[in-house]
Protein backbone atom coordinates (compact mmCIF):
# COMPACT_ATOMS: atom_id res chain seq x y z
CA UNK A 1 -19.17 -67.02 -25.11
CA UNK A 2 -16.94 -66.13 -28.68
CA UNK A 3 -20.54 -64.89 -30.38
CA UNK A 4 -21.34 -62.40 -27.54
CA UNK A 5 -18.27 -61.07 -27.55
CA UNK A 6 -18.50 -60.30 -31.62
CA UNK A 7 -22.40 -59.17 -31.03
CA UNK A 8 -20.11 -56.69 -28.18
CA UNK A 9 -17.45 -55.80 -30.64
CA UNK A 10 -20.02 -55.03 -33.57
CA UNK A 11 -22.43 -52.54 -31.63
CA UNK A 12 -20.33 -49.66 -31.00
CA UNK A 13 -19.23 -49.23 -34.60
CA UNK A 14 -22.28 -47.89 -36.41
CA UNK A 15 -22.04 -45.01 -33.34
CA UNK A 16 -18.51 -44.68 -33.64
CA UNK A 17 -18.71 -44.08 -37.41
CA UNK A 18 -21.86 -41.68 -37.30
CA UNK A 19 -19.40 -39.61 -34.70
CA UNK A 20 -16.38 -39.99 -37.10
CA UNK A 21 -18.85 -38.67 -40.15
CA UNK A 22 -19.79 -35.86 -37.65
CA UNK A 23 -16.67 -35.12 -37.03
CA UNK A 24 -15.04 -34.86 -40.63
CA UNK A 25 -18.37 -32.91 -41.44
CA UNK A 26 -17.79 -30.11 -38.61
CA UNK A 27 -13.44 -30.00 -39.49
CA UNK A 28 -14.76 -29.47 -43.32
CA UNK A 29 -17.07 -26.63 -42.48
CA UNK A 30 -14.96 -23.79 -42.23
CA UNK A 31 -13.92 -24.24 -45.91
CA UNK A 32 -16.98 -24.69 -47.29
CA UNK A 33 -18.46 -21.65 -45.41
CA UNK A 34 -15.74 -19.82 -46.69
CA UNK A 35 -16.36 -21.05 -50.72
CA UNK A 36 -19.86 -19.86 -50.10
CA UNK A 37 -18.88 -16.70 -48.76
CA UNK A 38 -16.63 -15.35 -51.66
CA UNK A 39 -19.36 -16.96 -54.45
CA UNK A 40 -22.20 -14.95 -52.64
CA UNK A 41 -19.68 -12.19 -52.48
CA UNK A 42 -19.09 -12.08 -56.29
CA UNK A 43 -22.92 -12.63 -56.73
CA UNK A 44 -23.62 -9.44 -54.79
CA UNK A 45 -21.24 -7.66 -56.81
CA UNK A 46 -22.65 -8.58 -60.13
CA UNK A 47 -25.90 -7.42 -59.01
CA UNK A 48 -25.33 -4.22 -56.89
CA UNK A 49 -22.19 -3.13 -59.21
CA UNK A 50 -20.38 -2.01 -56.19
CA UNK A 51 -16.97 -3.50 -55.10
CA UNK A 52 -17.47 -5.09 -51.82
CA UNK A 53 -13.73 -3.51 -50.06
CA UNK A 54 -14.21 -4.28 -46.72
CA UNK A 55 -16.09 -8.00 -47.52
CA UNK A 56 -13.35 -9.31 -49.42
CA UNK A 57 -10.96 -8.17 -46.46
CA UNK A 58 -12.70 -9.72 -43.81
CA UNK A 59 -12.80 -12.94 -46.07
CA UNK A 60 -8.84 -12.90 -46.71
CA UNK A 61 -8.67 -12.75 -42.96
CA UNK A 62 -11.03 -14.91 -41.98
CA UNK A 63 -9.49 -17.34 -44.14
CA UNK A 64 -5.65 -16.44 -42.58
CA UNK A 65 -7.45 -17.27 -39.48
CA UNK A 66 -8.57 -20.81 -40.52
CA UNK A 67 -5.44 -21.22 -42.09
CA UNK A 68 -3.39 -20.91 -38.83
CA UNK A 69 -6.28 -22.91 -36.77
CA UNK A 70 -5.62 -25.61 -39.47
CA UNK A 71 -1.94 -26.30 -38.52
CA UNK A 72 -1.52 -25.16 -34.75
CA UNK A 73 -2.52 -28.41 -33.51
CA UNK A 74 0.54 -30.22 -35.76
CA UNK A 75 3.02 -27.38 -34.96
CA UNK A 76 5.02 -28.29 -31.95
CA UNK A 77 7.09 -25.95 -30.02
CA UNK A 78 6.63 -22.17 -29.03
CA UNK A 79 9.08 -21.16 -32.22
CA UNK A 80 7.33 -22.75 -34.82
CA UNK A 81 3.84 -21.44 -33.74
CA UNK A 82 5.45 -17.83 -33.68
CA UNK A 83 6.48 -18.90 -37.05
CA UNK A 84 3.38 -20.07 -38.56
CA UNK A 85 1.50 -17.14 -36.99
CA UNK A 86 4.05 -14.82 -38.63
CA UNK A 87 4.19 -16.45 -42.31
CA UNK A 88 0.91 -16.57 -42.33
CA UNK A 89 0.22 -12.73 -41.12
CA UNK A 90 2.85 -11.49 -43.81
CA UNK A 91 1.56 -14.00 -46.35
CA UNK A 92 -2.32 -12.47 -46.50
CA UNK A 93 -1.00 -9.03 -46.16
CA UNK A 94 0.19 -9.27 -49.28
CA UNK A 95 -3.19 -10.62 -50.33
CA UNK A 96 -4.58 -7.89 -49.09
CA UNK A 97 -2.30 -5.05 -50.34
CA UNK A 98 -2.63 -6.30 -53.70
CA UNK A 99 -6.31 -6.54 -53.42
CA UNK A 100 -6.47 -3.03 -52.62
CA UNK A 101 -3.71 -2.31 -55.74
CA UNK A 102 -6.69 -3.13 -57.71
CA UNK A 103 -9.44 -1.17 -55.80
CA UNK A 104 -7.56 2.03 -56.84
CA UNK A 105 -9.45 4.88 -58.82
CA UNK A 106 -7.39 4.64 -61.23
CA UNK A 107 -6.83 0.77 -61.73
CA UNK A 108 -10.50 0.59 -61.33
CA UNK A 109 -11.70 2.51 -64.08
CA UNK A 110 -9.93 0.48 -66.52
CA UNK A 111 -12.31 -2.59 -65.22
CA UNK A 112 -16.09 -2.91 -64.72
CA UNK A 113 -17.05 -3.52 -61.56
CA UNK A 114 -18.46 -7.30 -61.73
CA UNK A 115 -14.72 -7.35 -63.24
CA UNK A 116 -13.28 -6.61 -60.41
CA UNK A 117 -15.48 -8.62 -58.44
CA UNK A 118 -14.18 -11.82 -60.18
CA UNK A 119 -10.74 -10.36 -60.24
CA UNK A 120 -10.73 -10.36 -56.20
CA UNK A 121 -12.04 -13.58 -56.03
CA UNK A 122 -9.25 -14.93 -58.14
CA UNK A 123 -6.76 -13.10 -56.15
CA UNK A 124 -8.50 -14.54 -52.75
CA UNK A 125 -8.48 -18.08 -54.28
CA UNK A 126 -4.55 -17.92 -55.43
CA UNK A 127 -3.60 -16.69 -52.11
CA UNK A 128 -5.67 -19.70 -50.40
CA UNK A 129 -4.38 -22.04 -52.57
CA UNK A 130 -0.45 -20.48 -51.86
CA UNK A 131 -1.23 -20.78 -48.23
CA UNK A 132 -2.17 -24.37 -49.00
CA UNK A 133 0.84 -25.23 -50.47
CA UNK A 134 2.99 -23.98 -48.26
CA UNK A 135 1.17 -25.21 -44.87
CA UNK A 136 1.20 -28.73 -46.94
CA UNK A 137 -3.07 -28.68 -46.22
CA UNK A 138 -4.65 -30.30 -48.89
CA UNK A 139 -8.39 -29.22 -47.55
CA UNK A 140 -7.25 -25.21 -48.47
CA UNK A 141 -5.67 -25.89 -51.43
CA UNK A 142 -8.74 -27.30 -52.53
CA UNK A 143 -10.53 -24.73 -51.03
CA UNK A 144 -8.35 -21.97 -53.32
CA UNK A 145 -8.87 -24.77 -56.40
CA UNK A 146 -12.79 -24.37 -56.29
CA UNK A 147 -12.62 -20.55 -55.48
CA UNK A 148 -10.31 -20.29 -59.19
CA UNK A 149 -13.07 -22.76 -60.45
CA UNK A 150 -15.69 -20.27 -59.67
CA UNK A 151 -14.41 -17.71 -61.23
CA UNK A 152 -14.74 -19.24 -64.92
CA UNK A 153 -18.14 -20.71 -63.37
CA UNK A 154 -19.84 -17.54 -62.61
CA UNK A 155 -18.62 -15.85 -66.22
CA UNK A 156 -19.64 -18.87 -68.23
CA UNK A 157 -23.29 -18.55 -66.56
CA UNK A 158 -23.76 -14.91 -67.25
CA UNK A 159 -22.49 -15.32 -70.82
CA UNK A 160 -24.61 -18.20 -71.55
CA UNK A 161 -28.04 -17.17 -69.46
CA UNK A 162 -28.95 -15.04 -72.50
CA UNK A 163 -28.66 -18.44 -74.51
CA UNK A 164 -30.76 -20.29 -71.87
CA UNK A 165 -33.64 -17.69 -71.87
CA UNK A 166 -33.38 -17.47 -76.18
CA UNK A 167 -33.89 -21.48 -75.62
CA UNK A 168 -36.68 -21.15 -73.16
CA UNK A 169 -38.39 -18.41 -75.31
CA UNK A 170 -38.28 -20.79 -78.38
CA UNK A 171 -39.37 -23.83 -76.49
CA UNK A 172 -42.54 -21.56 -74.80
CA UNK A 173 -42.94 -20.41 -78.57
CA UNK A 174 -42.90 -23.58 -80.14
CA UNK A 175 -44.99 -25.20 -77.62
CA UNK A 176 -48.65 -22.42 -78.01
CA UNK A 177 -48.00 -22.77 -81.83
CA UNK A 178 -48.26 -26.49 -81.67
CA UNK A 179 -51.54 -26.07 -79.03
CA UNK A 180 -52.90 -23.47 -81.53
CA UNK A 181 -52.74 -26.05 -84.06
CA UNK A 182 -53.83 -28.38 -82.08
CA UNK A 183 -56.37 -26.66 -80.89
CA UNK A 184 -57.40 -25.56 -84.67
CA UNK A 185 -57.34 -28.66 -86.27
CA UNK A 186 -60.70 -30.50 -84.53
CA UNK A 187 -62.69 -27.40 -84.91
CA UNK A 188 -61.82 -26.81 -88.60
CA UNK A 189 -62.84 -31.05 -89.62
CA UNK A 190 -66.04 -29.91 -87.84
CA UNK A 191 -66.73 -26.98 -90.28
CA UNK A 192 -65.58 -28.59 -93.14
CA UNK A 193 -67.69 -31.80 -92.38
CA UNK A 194 -70.70 -29.32 -91.64
CA UNK A 195 -70.31 -27.30 -95.24
CA UNK A 196 -70.51 -30.64 -96.89
CA UNK A 197 -73.42 -31.48 -95.15
CA UNK A 198 -75.16 -28.80 -95.47
CA UNK A 199 -74.68 -28.24 -99.67
């Protein structure tokens, strides 16, 4: 009887584990989408050489909404919920104002357009990290750190792509020269042997 009870208790565990993993992935989806949108915005700015003003403002507002939604179930009481909304609203308004200061024509003339995209991403990353710290949310703070880490990664990739291209050209040149030598050797050997037999 005890074996049957043990089997009944063991049977639903895989489904519970799958449901728990699916729920965890569903919870992490907004953070992953925000990170992908931020990197896509910088990539588009680097290609098109035009700053996406509305895009960054939308992304900042979306992350602010994610911050409120994340902490809303843990916030008890009407007063604390109103305080959560107002503090996050003020926080993200400050981030938006700073972003728009960077997009003023006088400031933007000092920076090239790709650098403007990276600066806006860095401001968004800083705002996200500080929101995560103030809300004591590990996911939001990690999202801010990941966005901040994307800035040097993108600039490093952009600078090192020329080295990758030079390396690829060098390898292709070496491969072609090696292949031509391999093709030329047998032909040279046979013609030398033919000259010796003819003599």
